[in-house]
Amino acid sequence: MDLLTLLYGRQERSWQAQANCMGVDPDLFFPERGASTREAKEVCRGCVVREDCLEYALANGEKFGIWGGMSERERRRVRRARAMARRTEVVAG
């Protein structure tokens, strides 16, 4: 059983097998505070499963690392924007 299964259970993650980051040192995607994220984002840039990766991180509340080419700060902005859009839809009815 892999670490992700232990942490999150058995979820649909078949997209991971196609990810550009397979075989890349995971430390690249979890840089020290204040370190550059440029290299990790470059790996993500042309990845065919980038959207799947980002959606996985958003759905699972990933707080650390680069997922789908975005840092936690960038993902937080996406979550806020989506929440605002949902509120607007509810109000608009």
Protein backbone atom coordinates (compact mmCIF):
# COMPACT_ATOMS: atom_id res chain seq x y z
CA MET A 1 0.00 0.00 0.00
CA ASP A 2 1.43 3.39 -0.96
CA LEU A 3 1.59 6.49 1.23
CA LEU A 4 -1.25 8.30 -0.55
CA THR A 5 -3.57 5.34 -0.03
CA LEU A 6 -2.65 5.24 3.65
CA LEU A 7 -3.27 8.97 4.04
CA TYR A 8 -6.36 9.43 1.87
CA GLY A 9 -7.83 5.99 1.28
CA ARG A 10 -8.53 4.47 -2.09
CA GLN A 11 -9.49 7.34 -4.36
CA GLU A 12 -9.38 7.57 -8.11
CA ARG A 13 -5.81 8.54 -8.90
CA SER A 14 -5.10 6.71 -12.15
CA TRP A 15 -4.06 10.07 -13.60
CA GLN A 16 -0.89 9.98 -11.49
CA ALA A 17 0.69 7.34 -13.70
CA GLN A 18 0.73 9.88 -16.56
CA ALA A 19 2.13 12.77 -14.51
CA ASN A 20 5.37 14.49 -15.54
CA CYS A 21 6.52 14.32 -11.92
CA MET A 22 6.66 10.52 -11.80
CA GLY A 23 10.24 9.63 -10.98
CA VAL A 24 11.17 13.20 -10.02
CA ASP A 25 12.47 13.80 -6.49
CA PRO A 26 9.38 14.68 -4.40
CA ASP A 27 11.41 17.22 -2.42
CA LEU A 28 11.31 19.42 -5.51
CA PHE A 29 7.55 19.81 -5.02
CA PHE A 30 7.81 20.51 -1.30
CA PRO A 31 10.43 23.27 -1.11
CA GLU A 32 11.57 24.81 2.15
CA ARG A 33 9.73 27.96 3.21
CA GLY A 34 10.91 30.85 1.03
CA ALA A 35 12.67 28.59 -1.50
CA SER A 36 11.93 28.84 -5.21
CA THR A 37 9.04 26.87 -6.70
CA ARG A 38 10.13 27.62 -10.26
CA GLU A 39 11.62 24.18 -11.04
CA ALA A 40 8.58 22.30 -9.72
CA LYS A 41 6.20 24.51 -11.65
CA GLU A 42 8.28 23.97 -14.79
CA VAL A 43 7.80 20.20 -14.44
CA CYS A 44 4.05 20.81 -14.16
CA ARG A 45 3.84 23.28 -17.04
CA GLY A 46 3.38 20.79 -19.89
CA CYS A 47 1.85 17.98 -17.86
CA VAL A 48 -1.19 16.32 -19.43
CA VAL A 49 -2.77 15.63 -16.03
CA ARG A 50 -2.11 19.04 -14.50
CA GLU A 51 -5.82 19.79 -14.06
CA ASP A 52 -6.46 16.41 -12.42
CA CYS A 53 -3.59 17.04 -10.03
CA LEU A 54 -4.87 20.50 -9.15
CA GLU A 55 -8.42 19.25 -8.62
CA TYR A 56 -7.10 16.46 -6.39
CA ALA A 57 -5.23 18.99 -4.25
CA LEU A 58 -8.24 21.29 -4.03
CA ALA A 59 -10.63 18.46 -3.18
CA ASN A 60 -8.32 17.10 -0.50
CA GLY A 61 -7.26 20.41 1.02
CA GLU A 62 -3.56 19.93 0.33
CA LYS A 63 -1.81 22.56 2.43
CA PHE A 64 1.75 22.01 1.28
CA GLY A 65 3.65 21.62 -1.93
CA ILE A 66 3.15 22.29 -5.59
CA TRP A 67 0.11 20.54 -7.05
CA GLY A 68 -1.13 21.14 -10.58
CA GLY A 69 1.52 23.80 -10.98
CA MET A 70 0.22 25.89 -8.07
CA SER A 71 1.47 26.69 -4.60
CA GLU A 72 -0.80 26.59 -1.56
CA ARG A 73 -1.22 30.36 -1.74
CA GLU A 74 -2.33 30.10 -5.38
CA ARG A 75 -4.68 27.20 -4.59
CA ARG A 76 -6.18 29.20 -1.72
CA ARG A 77 -7.03 31.96 -4.22
CA VAL A 78 -8.73 29.41 -6.49
CA ARG A 79 -10.75 28.03 -3.56
CA ARG A 80 -11.84 31.55 -2.56
CA ALA A 81 -12.80 32.46 -6.13
CA ARG A 82 -14.84 29.27 -6.48
CA ALA A 83 -16.56 29.88 -3.15
CA MET A 84 -17.45 33.43 -4.22
CA ALA A 85 -18.78 32.12 -7.55
CA ARG A 86 -20.96 29.55 -5.74
CA ARG A 87 -22.34 32.24 -3.42
CA THR A 88 -23.09 34.46 -6.42
CA GLU A 89 -24.92 31.57 -8.13
CA VAL A 90 -27.01 30.93 -5.02
CA VAL A 91 -27.93 34.60 -4.68
CA ALA A 92 -28.71 34.90 -8.39
CA GLY A 93 -30.85 31.78 -8.07
